[in-house]
Amino acid sequence: MFKIKRNDTVQVIKGKDKGKKGKVITVFFAQKKALVEGINQAKKHKRQTRQDQQGGIVNIEMPIALSNLMVLCKNCSQPTRLGFKKSEDGTKVRVCRKCQGVM
C-alpha cells in the first residue's frame, strides 16, 4: 500500500530537483517509482517518424523513487507524512500528520 496516489501534489525532498513541486501523473507500483509533471527531466533524441512530426532533442519526465517524494497537504500546504483514519461512515481516509486535515 503506497500513500502517494495519482493527481497528488508532491515535493521532491532529495536529488537534483530538491524543493521542486509537481503533480503525480502515474505511479509504478512494481518499481516503487512515480512520474511527476516537470520533475526529473531527461533529454531524449527523437527521430522523425512521420512527415508532419518534428525530430530532434526533447525533454521528457523520468520516473522518480517514491522515497524521494513527500505529499503536500491541501489544508496547510506543507510537505507532510500521511496517516490513515476511519471516517464516520467507516471508510479509510488519508490524514495530514501536521494539521490532522483529511486529504
C-alpha atoms as a PDB file:
ATOM      1  CA  MET A   1       0.000   0.000   0.000  1.00  0.00           C
ATOM      2  CA  PHE A   2       1.514   3.311  -1.105  1.00  0.00           C
ATOM      3  CA  LYS A   3       0.422   6.643   0.314  1.00  0.00           C
ATOM      4  CA  ILE A   4       1.170   8.636  -2.845  1.00  0.00           C
ATOM      5  CA  LYS A   5      -1.563   8.453  -5.470  1.00  0.00           C
ATOM      6  CA  ARG A   6      -2.217   9.873  -8.925  1.00  0.00           C
ATOM      7  CA  ASN A   7      -3.115  13.612  -9.013  1.00  0.00           C
ATOM      8  CA  ASP A   8      -1.433  14.286  -5.632  1.00  0.00           C
ATOM      9  CA  THR A   9       0.772  17.370  -5.404  1.00  0.00           C
ATOM     10  CA  VAL A  10       4.208  16.341  -4.157  1.00  0.00           C
ATOM     11  CA  GLN A  11       7.522  17.960  -3.285  1.00  0.00           C
ATOM     12  CA  VAL A  12      10.934  16.425  -4.009  1.00  0.00           C
ATOM     13  CA  ILE A  13      12.990  16.018  -0.824  1.00  0.00           C
ATOM     14  CA  LYS A  14      16.180  14.504  -2.337  1.00  0.00           C
ATOM     15  CA  GLY A  15      18.144  14.670  -5.555  1.00  0.00           C
ATOM     16  CA  LYS A  16      18.836  17.203  -8.273  1.00  0.00           C
ATOM     17  CA  ASP A  17      15.260  18.590  -8.189  1.00  0.00           C
ATOM     18  CA  LYS A  18      15.141  19.040  -4.390  1.00  0.00           C
ATOM     19  CA  GLY A  19      12.475  21.553  -3.347  1.00  0.00           C
ATOM     20  CA  LYS A  20      10.509  21.444  -6.614  1.00  0.00           C
ATOM     21  CA  LYS A  21       6.786  20.737  -6.599  1.00  0.00           C
ATOM     22  CA  GLY A  22       4.683  18.894  -9.151  1.00  0.00           C
ATOM     23  CA  LYS A  23       1.600  16.792  -9.802  1.00  0.00           C
ATOM     24  CA  VAL A  24       1.825  12.989  -9.933  1.00  0.00           C
ATOM     25  CA  ILE A  25       0.948  11.682 -13.393  1.00  0.00           C
ATOM     26  CA  THR A  26       1.420   7.933 -12.827  1.00  0.00           C
ATOM     27  CA  VAL A  27       2.578   5.635 -10.023  1.00  0.00           C
ATOM     28  CA  PHE A  28       4.526   2.494 -10.958  1.00  0.00           C
ATOM     29  CA  PHE A  29       3.861   0.137  -8.047  1.00  0.00           C
ATOM     30  CA  ALA A  30       6.226  -2.657  -9.142  1.00  0.00           C
ATOM     31  CA  GLN A  31       9.238  -0.326  -9.412  1.00  0.00           C
ATOM     32  CA  LYS A  32       8.176   1.894  -6.438  1.00  0.00           C
ATOM     33  CA  LYS A  33       8.502   4.984  -8.632  1.00  0.00           C
ATOM     34  CA  ALA A  34       6.273   7.812  -9.801  1.00  0.00           C
ATOM     35  CA  LEU A  35       6.134  10.058 -12.835  1.00  0.00           C
ATOM     36  CA  VAL A  36       5.820  13.704 -11.727  1.00  0.00           C
ATOM     37  CA  GLU A  37       4.977  16.620 -14.007  1.00  0.00           C
ATOM     38  CA  GLY A  38       8.075  18.769 -14.668  1.00  0.00           C
ATOM     39  CA  ILE A  39      10.368  16.793 -12.330  1.00  0.00           C
ATOM     40  CA  ASN A  40      13.419  14.619 -13.170  1.00  0.00           C
ATOM     41  CA  GLN A  41      13.553  15.617 -16.822  1.00  0.00           C
ATOM     42  CA  ALA A  42      15.955  13.957 -19.260  1.00  0.00           C
ATOM     43  CA  LYS A  43      16.847  14.760 -22.843  1.00  0.00           C
ATOM     44  CA  LYS A  44      15.806  12.182 -25.425  1.00  0.00           C
ATOM     45  CA  HIS A  45      16.835  12.101 -29.066  1.00  0.00           C
ATOM     46  CA  LYS A  46      13.724  11.548 -31.184  1.00  0.00           C
ATOM     47  CA  ARG A  47      13.773  10.521 -34.820  1.00  0.00           C
ATOM     48  CA  GLN A  48      11.241  11.998 -37.195  1.00  0.00           C
ATOM     49  CA  THR A  49       8.924   9.040 -37.854  1.00  0.00           C
ATOM     50  CA  ARG A  50       6.240  10.875 -39.853  1.00  0.00           C
ATOM     51  CA  GLN A  51       6.457  13.744 -42.304  1.00  0.00           C
ATOM     52  CA  ASP A  52       4.499  16.135 -40.045  1.00  0.00           C
ATOM     53  CA  GLN A  53       6.325  15.150 -36.814  1.00  0.00           C
ATOM     54  CA  GLN A  54       9.278  17.165 -35.517  1.00  0.00           C
ATOM     55  CA  GLY A  55      12.502  15.311 -34.740  1.00  0.00           C
ATOM     56  CA  GLY A  56      15.372  16.390 -32.514  1.00  0.00           C
ATOM     57  CA  ILE A  57      16.170  16.575 -28.797  1.00  0.00           C
ATOM     58  CA  VAL A  58      13.136  16.713 -26.474  1.00  0.00           C
ATOM     59  CA  ASN A  59      12.760  16.853 -22.675  1.00  0.00           C
ATOM     60  CA  ILE A  60      10.745  14.051 -21.074  1.00  0.00           C
ATOM     61  CA  GLU A  61       9.927  13.229 -17.444  1.00  0.00           C
ATOM     62  CA  MET A  62      11.581  10.149 -15.998  1.00  0.00           C
ATOM     63  CA  PRO A  63      10.246   8.165 -13.020  1.00  0.00           C
ATOM     64  CA  ILE A  64      11.491   9.182  -9.568  1.00  0.00           C
ATOM     65  CA  ALA A  65      11.606   6.986  -6.449  1.00  0.00           C
ATOM     66  CA  LEU A  66       8.651   7.316  -4.075  1.00  0.00           C
ATOM     67  CA  SER A  67      11.048   7.626  -1.137  1.00  0.00           C
ATOM     68  CA  ASN A  68      12.274  10.947  -2.593  1.00  0.00           C
ATOM     69  CA  LEU A  69       8.771  12.460  -2.654  1.00  0.00           C
ATOM     70  CA  MET A  70       6.612  13.985   0.076  1.00  0.00           C
ATOM     71  CA  VAL A  71       2.910  14.815  -0.262  1.00  0.00           C
ATOM     72  CA  LEU A  72       1.842  18.463   0.077  1.00  0.00           C
ATOM     73  CA  CYS A  73      -1.150  18.914   2.391  1.00  0.00           C
ATOM     74  CA  LYS A  74      -4.141  20.662   0.797  1.00  0.00           C
ATOM     75  CA  ASN A  75      -5.037  22.439   4.059  1.00  0.00           C
ATOM     76  CA  CYS A  76      -1.701  23.630   5.473  1.00  0.00           C
ATOM     77  CA  SER A  77       0.222  23.448   2.119  1.00  0.00           C
ATOM     78  CA  GLN A  78       3.269  21.920   3.844  1.00  0.00           C
ATOM     79  CA  PRO A  79       5.128  18.745   2.868  1.00  0.00           C
ATOM     80  CA  THR A  80       3.900  16.150   5.326  1.00  0.00           C
ATOM     81  CA  ARG A  81       3.692  12.489   6.183  1.00  0.00           C
ATOM     82  CA  LEU A  82       0.324  10.817   5.818  1.00  0.00           C
ATOM     83  CA  GLY A  83      -1.640   8.678   8.228  1.00  0.00           C
ATOM     84  CA  PHE A  84      -4.894   6.772   7.933  1.00  0.00           C
ATOM     85  CA  LYS A  85      -8.094   7.118   9.964  1.00  0.00           C
ATOM     86  CA  LYS A  86     -11.567   5.702   9.711  1.00  0.00           C
ATOM     87  CA  SER A  87     -14.188   8.320   8.911  1.00  0.00           C
ATOM     88  CA  GLU A  88     -17.711   8.450  10.358  1.00  0.00           C
ATOM     89  CA  ASP A  89     -19.143   6.295   7.579  1.00  0.00           C
ATOM     90  CA  GLY A  90     -16.449   3.636   8.098  1.00  0.00           C
ATOM     91  CA  THR A  91     -14.232   4.336   5.077  1.00  0.00           C
ATOM     92  CA  LYS A  92     -10.485   4.700   5.441  1.00  0.00           C
ATOM     93  CA  VAL A  93      -9.188   8.219   4.645  1.00  0.00           C
ATOM     94  CA  ARG A  94      -5.716   9.765   4.463  1.00  0.00           C
ATOM     95  CA  VAL A  95      -4.941  12.478   7.019  1.00  0.00           C
ATOM     96  CA  CYS A  96      -2.130  15.023   7.343  1.00  0.00           C
ATOM     97  CA  ARG A  97       0.174  14.321  10.300  1.00  0.00           C
ATOM     98  CA  LYS A  98       0.767  18.053  10.902  1.00  0.00           C
ATOM     99  CA  CYS A  99      -2.739  19.571  10.818  1.00  0.00           C
ATOM    100  CA  GLN A 100      -4.879  16.379  11.018  1.00  0.00           C
ATOM    101  CA  GLY A 101      -6.768  17.531   7.907  1.00  0.00           C
ATOM    102  CA  VAL A 102      -8.363  14.989   5.583  1.00  0.00           C
ATOM    103  CA  MET A 103      -6.536  14.627   2.265  1.00  0.00           C
END
